[in-house]
Amino acid sequence: MSFAPADVSAGREDILAITVDEVRHIARLANLEFTEAEHERFTRQLNSILEYIAQLNRLDTSAIEPTSHVESGAHTLREDGVSGSISTEEALANAPESGRGLFKVPKVIG
């Protein structure tokens, strides 16, 4: 897949464009089938996303300090600690079906 600069004359040289053929190729690789109208719509949508990313890339962020987390981290971690647990009987009390101290569930693997 190749991206080509779009509309250099309008000062939008950093916007990458994706073609309908590239959308068809991606769909083929993903085993997806779309109508021609969907291919065209996805092309417009992808180009809109690329245009927005290019707009973000043009922002001057030189005065912004790099961050790894949005929040300070004060509330993200807690102390690990041992706490009590419930008994097997309590855990199975509301189970639709149980046996030999275990939850019984429908067989999902053949």
N, C-alpha and C. Protein backbone atom coordinates (compact mmCIF):
# COMPACT_ATOMS: atom_id res chain seq x y z
N MET A 1 0.86 -1.16 0.00
CA MET A 1 0.00 0.00 0.00
C MET A 1 0.90 1.22 0.00
N SER A 2 0.58 2.18 -0.80
CA SER A 2 1.39 3.40 -0.85
C SER A 2 0.50 4.60 -0.61
N PHE A 3 1.03 5.54 0.15
CA PHE A 3 0.31 6.77 0.41
C PHE A 3 1.00 7.88 -0.35
N ALA A 4 0.21 8.71 -0.98
CA ALA A 4 0.77 9.82 -1.75
C ALA A 4 0.31 11.13 -1.13
N PRO A 5 1.20 12.13 -1.08
CA PRO A 5 0.77 13.43 -0.57
C PRO A 5 -0.40 13.96 -1.39
N ALA A 6 -1.34 14.59 -0.69
CA ALA A 6 -2.53 15.10 -1.38
C ALA A 6 -2.53 16.62 -1.36
N ASP A 7 -2.85 17.23 -2.44
CA ASP A 7 -3.11 18.65 -2.55
C ASP A 7 -1.99 19.51 -1.97
N VAL A 8 -0.79 19.39 -2.54
CA VAL A 8 0.36 20.14 -2.07
C VAL A 8 0.16 21.64 -2.24
N SER A 9 -0.54 22.04 -3.29
CA SER A 9 -0.72 23.46 -3.57
C SER A 9 -1.56 24.18 -2.52
N ALA A 10 -2.41 23.47 -1.81
CA ALA A 10 -3.29 24.10 -0.83
C ALA A 10 -2.66 24.12 0.56
N GLY A 11 -1.36 23.80 0.67
CA GLY A 11 -0.71 23.79 1.96
C GLY A 11 -1.05 22.57 2.79
N ARG A 12 -1.51 21.54 2.13
CA ARG A 12 -1.90 20.33 2.82
C ARG A 12 -0.98 19.20 2.41
N GLU A 13 0.33 19.49 2.34
CA GLU A 13 1.28 18.51 1.84
C GLU A 13 1.49 17.33 2.76
N ASP A 14 1.10 17.44 4.03
CA ASP A 14 1.33 16.34 4.95
C ASP A 14 0.13 15.40 5.08
N ILE A 15 -0.91 15.63 4.29
CA ILE A 15 -2.07 14.75 4.32
C ILE A 15 -1.84 13.59 3.36
N LEU A 16 -1.98 12.38 3.87
CA LEU A 16 -1.83 11.20 3.04
C LEU A 16 -3.19 10.82 2.48
N ALA A 17 -3.20 10.32 1.26
CA ALA A 17 -4.46 9.93 0.63
C ALA A 17 -4.48 8.43 0.42
N ILE A 18 -5.64 7.85 0.57
CA ILE A 18 -5.83 6.43 0.30
C ILE A 18 -6.83 6.32 -0.85
N THR A 19 -6.60 5.38 -1.74
CA THR A 19 -7.45 5.24 -2.92
C THR A 19 -8.49 4.14 -2.73
N VAL A 20 -9.49 4.13 -3.59
CA VAL A 20 -10.51 3.08 -3.57
C VAL A 20 -9.86 1.72 -3.81
N ASP A 21 -8.87 1.68 -4.70
CA ASP A 21 -8.18 0.41 -4.97
C ASP A 21 -7.49 -0.12 -3.72
N GLU A 22 -6.93 0.78 -2.92
CA GLU A 22 -6.27 0.34 -1.69
C GLU A 22 -7.30 -0.17 -0.68
N VAL A 23 -8.46 0.45 -0.63
CA VAL A 23 -9.53 -0.03 0.24
C VAL A 23 -9.98 -1.41 -0.22
N ARG A 24 -10.13 -1.60 -1.53
CA ARG A 24 -10.49 -2.93 -2.06
C ARG A 24 -9.44 -3.97 -1.67
N HIS A 25 -8.16 -3.59 -1.78
CA HIS A 25 -7.06 -4.50 -1.46
C HIS A 25 -7.10 -4.89 0.03
N ILE A 26 -7.30 -3.92 0.90
CA ILE A 26 -7.39 -4.19 2.34
C ILE A 26 -8.58 -5.11 2.63
N ALA A 27 -9.70 -4.84 2.00
CA ALA A 27 -10.89 -5.66 2.19
C ALA A 27 -10.63 -7.10 1.73
N ARG A 28 -9.95 -7.23 0.60
CA ARG A 28 -9.62 -8.56 0.08
C ARG A 28 -8.71 -9.30 1.05
N LEU A 29 -7.70 -8.61 1.61
CA LEU A 29 -6.79 -9.23 2.57
C LEU A 29 -7.52 -9.69 3.83
N ALA A 30 -8.55 -8.94 4.21
CA ALA A 30 -9.32 -9.25 5.42
C ALA A 30 -10.51 -10.16 5.13
N ASN A 31 -10.62 -10.64 3.90
CA ASN A 31 -11.75 -11.49 3.49
C ASN A 31 -13.09 -10.82 3.76
N LEU A 32 -13.18 -9.53 3.46
CA LEU A 32 -14.42 -8.77 3.63
C LEU A 32 -14.98 -8.44 2.26
N GLU A 33 -16.28 -8.54 2.13
CA GLU A 33 -16.94 -8.21 0.88
C GLU A 33 -17.80 -6.96 1.09
N PHE A 34 -17.58 -5.96 0.25
CA PHE A 34 -18.33 -4.72 0.33
C PHE A 34 -18.87 -4.37 -1.04
N THR A 35 -19.92 -3.57 -1.04
CA THR A 35 -20.45 -3.05 -2.30
C THR A 35 -19.55 -1.91 -2.77
N GLU A 36 -19.73 -1.51 -3.99
CA GLU A 36 -18.93 -0.39 -4.52
C GLU A 36 -19.20 0.89 -3.72
N ALA A 37 -20.45 1.09 -3.32
CA ALA A 37 -20.79 2.27 -2.51
C ALA A 37 -20.07 2.23 -1.17
N GLU A 38 -19.95 1.03 -0.57
CA GLU A 38 -19.24 0.91 0.71
C GLU A 38 -17.75 1.18 0.53
N HIS A 39 -17.17 0.68 -0.57
CA HIS A 39 -15.75 0.96 -0.85
C HIS A 39 -15.52 2.47 -0.92
N GLU A 40 -16.39 3.16 -1.62
CA GLU A 40 -16.24 4.61 -1.76
C GLU A 40 -16.45 5.32 -0.43
N ARG A 41 -17.43 4.86 0.35
CA ARG A 41 -17.68 5.47 1.65
C ARG A 41 -16.48 5.26 2.59
N PHE A 42 -15.93 4.04 2.61
CA PHE A 42 -14.77 3.76 3.46
C PHE A 42 -13.56 4.56 3.02
N THR A 43 -13.40 4.77 1.72
CA THR A 43 -12.30 5.59 1.22
C THR A 43 -12.42 7.01 1.74
N ARG A 44 -13.64 7.57 1.65
CA ARG A 44 -13.86 8.93 2.17
C ARG A 44 -13.60 8.98 3.67
N GLN A 45 -14.10 7.98 4.40
CA GLN A 45 -13.94 7.98 5.85
C GLN A 45 -12.46 7.85 6.25
N LEU A 46 -11.74 6.96 5.58
CA LEU A 46 -10.32 6.79 5.89
C LEU A 46 -9.53 8.05 5.57
N ASN A 47 -9.85 8.68 4.45
CA ASN A 47 -9.17 9.93 4.10
C ASN A 47 -9.50 11.04 5.09
N SER A 48 -10.72 11.03 5.61
CA SER A 48 -11.10 12.01 6.62
C SER A 48 -10.29 11.79 7.90
N ILE A 49 -10.10 10.54 8.28
CA ILE A 49 -9.29 10.21 9.46
C ILE A 49 -7.85 10.65 9.24
N LEU A 50 -7.29 10.35 8.05
CA LEU A 50 -5.91 10.75 7.75
C LEU A 50 -5.76 12.26 7.75
N GLU A 51 -6.78 12.97 7.26
CA GLU A 51 -6.74 14.43 7.27
C GLU A 51 -6.74 14.96 8.70
N TYR A 52 -7.53 14.35 9.56
CA TYR A 52 -7.57 14.78 10.96
C TYR A 52 -6.22 14.53 11.64
N ILE A 53 -5.61 13.38 11.36
CA ILE A 53 -4.29 13.08 11.93
C ILE A 53 -3.26 14.08 11.44
N ALA A 54 -3.31 14.43 10.18
CA ALA A 54 -2.39 15.43 9.64
C ALA A 54 -2.60 16.78 10.33
N GLN A 55 -3.85 17.11 10.60
CA GLN A 55 -4.17 18.35 11.30
C GLN A 55 -3.54 18.33 12.70
N LEU A 56 -3.63 17.19 13.40
CA LEU A 56 -3.01 17.06 14.72
C LEU A 56 -1.49 17.15 14.62
N ASN A 57 -0.92 16.57 13.57
CA ASN A 57 0.53 16.61 13.39
C ASN A 57 1.06 18.02 13.17
N ARG A 58 0.22 18.92 12.66
CA ARG A 58 0.64 20.29 12.42
C ARG A 58 0.66 21.14 13.70
N LEU A 59 0.08 20.64 14.77
CA LEU A 59 0.05 21.39 16.02
C LEU A 59 1.45 21.52 16.61
N ASP A 60 1.75 22.70 17.14
CA ASP A 60 3.04 22.93 17.80
C ASP A 60 2.93 22.43 19.24
N THR A 61 3.59 21.33 19.54
CA THR A 61 3.55 20.75 20.88
C THR A 61 4.91 20.87 21.57
N SER A 62 5.77 21.73 21.06
CA SER A 62 7.13 21.84 21.61
C SER A 62 7.12 22.34 23.06
N ALA A 63 6.12 23.10 23.46
CA ALA A 63 6.08 23.63 24.83
C ALA A 63 5.32 22.71 25.79
N ILE A 64 4.87 21.57 25.31
CA ILE A 64 4.10 20.65 26.14
C ILE A 64 5.01 19.54 26.63
N GLU A 65 5.03 19.34 27.95
CA GLU A 65 5.88 18.32 28.54
C GLU A 65 5.34 16.93 28.20
N PRO A 66 6.20 16.02 27.77
CA PRO A 66 5.75 14.66 27.47
C PRO A 66 5.18 13.98 28.72
N THR A 67 4.14 13.21 28.52
CA THR A 67 3.54 12.48 29.64
C THR A 67 3.33 11.03 29.24
N SER A 68 3.38 10.17 30.23
CA SER A 68 3.09 8.76 29.96
C SER A 68 1.71 8.38 30.46
N HIS A 69 1.17 9.20 31.39
CA HIS A 69 -0.17 8.96 31.93
C HIS A 69 -0.91 10.29 32.02
N VAL A 70 -2.18 10.26 31.74
CA VAL A 70 -2.99 11.47 31.82
C VAL A 70 -3.16 11.90 33.26
N GLU A 71 -3.34 10.93 34.13
CA GLU A 71 -3.56 11.21 35.55
C GLU A 71 -2.23 11.12 36.29
N SER A 72 -2.16 11.70 37.46
CA SER A 72 -0.93 11.72 38.25
C SER A 72 -0.52 10.33 38.73
N GLY A 73 -1.43 9.41 38.79
CA GLY A 73 -1.12 8.06 39.23
C GLY A 73 -1.42 7.84 40.70
N ALA A 74 -1.87 8.86 41.38
CA ALA A 74 -2.13 8.73 42.81
C ALA A 74 -3.24 7.72 43.11
N HIS A 75 -4.18 7.56 42.20
CA HIS A 75 -5.31 6.67 42.46
C HIS A 75 -5.26 5.39 41.63
N THR A 76 -4.22 5.21 40.85
CA THR A 76 -4.21 4.06 39.94
C THR A 76 -3.72 2.78 40.59
N LEU A 77 -2.90 2.88 41.62
CA LEU A 77 -2.37 1.68 42.25
C LEU A 77 -2.81 1.63 43.71
N ARG A 78 -2.95 0.45 44.22
CA ARG A 78 -3.30 0.27 45.62
C ARG A 78 -2.34 -0.74 46.21
N GLU A 79 -2.30 -0.79 47.51
CA GLU A 79 -1.48 -1.77 48.20
C GLU A 79 -2.03 -3.16 47.95
N ASP A 80 -1.17 -4.11 47.67
CA ASP A 80 -1.59 -5.50 47.60
C ASP A 80 -1.73 -6.00 49.02
N GLY A 81 -2.75 -6.75 49.23
CA GLY A 81 -2.94 -7.28 50.57
C GLY A 81 -3.81 -8.51 50.54
N VAL A 82 -3.60 -9.36 51.52
CA VAL A 82 -4.40 -10.57 51.64
C VAL A 82 -5.72 -10.20 52.29
N SER A 83 -6.79 -10.70 51.73
CA SER A 83 -8.10 -10.47 52.34
C SER A 83 -8.86 -11.79 52.34
N GLY A 84 -9.92 -11.81 53.07
CA GLY A 84 -10.71 -13.03 53.19
C GLY A 84 -11.46 -13.35 51.91
N SER A 85 -11.91 -14.56 51.81
CA SER A 85 -12.71 -14.96 50.64
C SER A 85 -13.93 -15.70 51.13
N ILE A 86 -14.82 -15.99 50.21
CA ILE A 86 -16.05 -16.69 50.59
C ILE A 86 -15.83 -18.20 50.45
N SER A 87 -16.66 -18.94 51.10
CA SER A 87 -16.53 -20.40 51.05
C SER A 87 -17.06 -20.93 49.71
N THR A 88 -16.71 -22.15 49.41
CA THR A 88 -17.19 -22.79 48.18
C THR A 88 -18.72 -22.85 48.18
N GLU A 89 -19.31 -23.16 49.32
CA GLU A 89 -20.77 -23.25 49.41
C GLU A 89 -21.41 -21.90 49.10
N GLU A 90 -20.82 -20.82 49.61
CA GLU A 90 -21.36 -19.48 49.34
C GLU A 90 -21.21 -19.13 47.86
N ALA A 91 -20.09 -19.50 47.26
CA ALA A 91 -19.85 -19.20 45.85
C ALA A 91 -20.84 -19.93 44.96
N LEU A 92 -21.18 -21.16 45.34
CA LEU A 92 -22.07 -21.98 44.52
C LEU A 92 -23.55 -21.81 44.86
N ALA A 93 -23.86 -21.02 45.89
CA ALA A 93 -25.24 -20.90 46.37
C ALA A 93 -26.21 -20.44 45.30
N ASN A 94 -25.82 -19.54 44.42
CA ASN A 94 -26.73 -19.03 43.39
C ASN A 94 -26.44 -19.60 42.01
N ALA A 95 -25.59 -20.60 41.93
CA ALA A 95 -25.26 -21.21 40.64
C ALA A 95 -26.47 -21.98 40.12
N PRO A 96 -26.78 -21.87 38.83
CA PRO A 96 -27.90 -22.63 38.29
C PRO A 96 -27.70 -24.13 38.44
N GLU A 97 -26.42 -24.57 38.32
CA GLU A 97 -26.13 -26.00 38.45
C GLU A 97 -24.70 -26.15 38.94
N SER A 98 -24.50 -27.06 39.88
CA SER A 98 -23.16 -27.32 40.40
C SER A 98 -23.03 -28.79 40.73
N GLY A 99 -21.82 -29.23 40.92
CA GLY A 99 -21.56 -30.62 41.27
C GLY A 99 -20.12 -30.78 41.68
N ARG A 100 -19.88 -31.61 42.69
CA ARG A 100 -18.53 -31.88 43.21
C ARG A 100 -17.78 -30.60 43.55
N GLY A 101 -18.51 -29.58 44.04
CA GLY A 101 -17.88 -28.34 44.45
C GLY A 101 -17.48 -27.43 43.30
N LEU A 102 -18.05 -27.64 42.10
CA LEU A 102 -17.69 -26.86 40.92
C LEU A 102 -18.95 -26.33 40.24
N PHE A 103 -18.81 -25.26 39.47
CA PHE A 103 -19.89 -24.76 38.62
C PHE A 103 -20.02 -25.70 37.43
N LYS A 104 -21.24 -26.07 37.08
CA LYS A 104 -21.47 -26.86 35.87
C LYS A 104 -21.93 -25.92 34.79
N VAL A 105 -21.30 -26.00 33.62
CA VAL A 105 -21.63 -25.16 32.48
C VAL A 105 -21.81 -26.04 31.26
N PRO A 106 -22.53 -25.53 30.23
CA PRO A 106 -22.70 -26.34 29.02
C PRO A 106 -21.36 -26.57 28.33
N LYS A 107 -21.24 -27.72 27.71
CA LYS A 107 -20.03 -28.07 26.96
C LYS A 107 -19.92 -27.15 25.75
N VAL A 108 -18.76 -26.50 25.58
CA VAL A 108 -18.59 -25.58 24.46
C VAL A 108 -17.52 -26.04 23.46
N ILE A 109 -16.79 -27.07 23.82
CA ILE A 109 -15.77 -27.61 22.91
C ILE A 109 -16.18 -29.01 22.53
N GLY A 110 -16.16 -29.30 21.22
CA GLY A 110 -16.61 -30.57 20.71
C GLY A 110 -15.76 -31.69 20.99
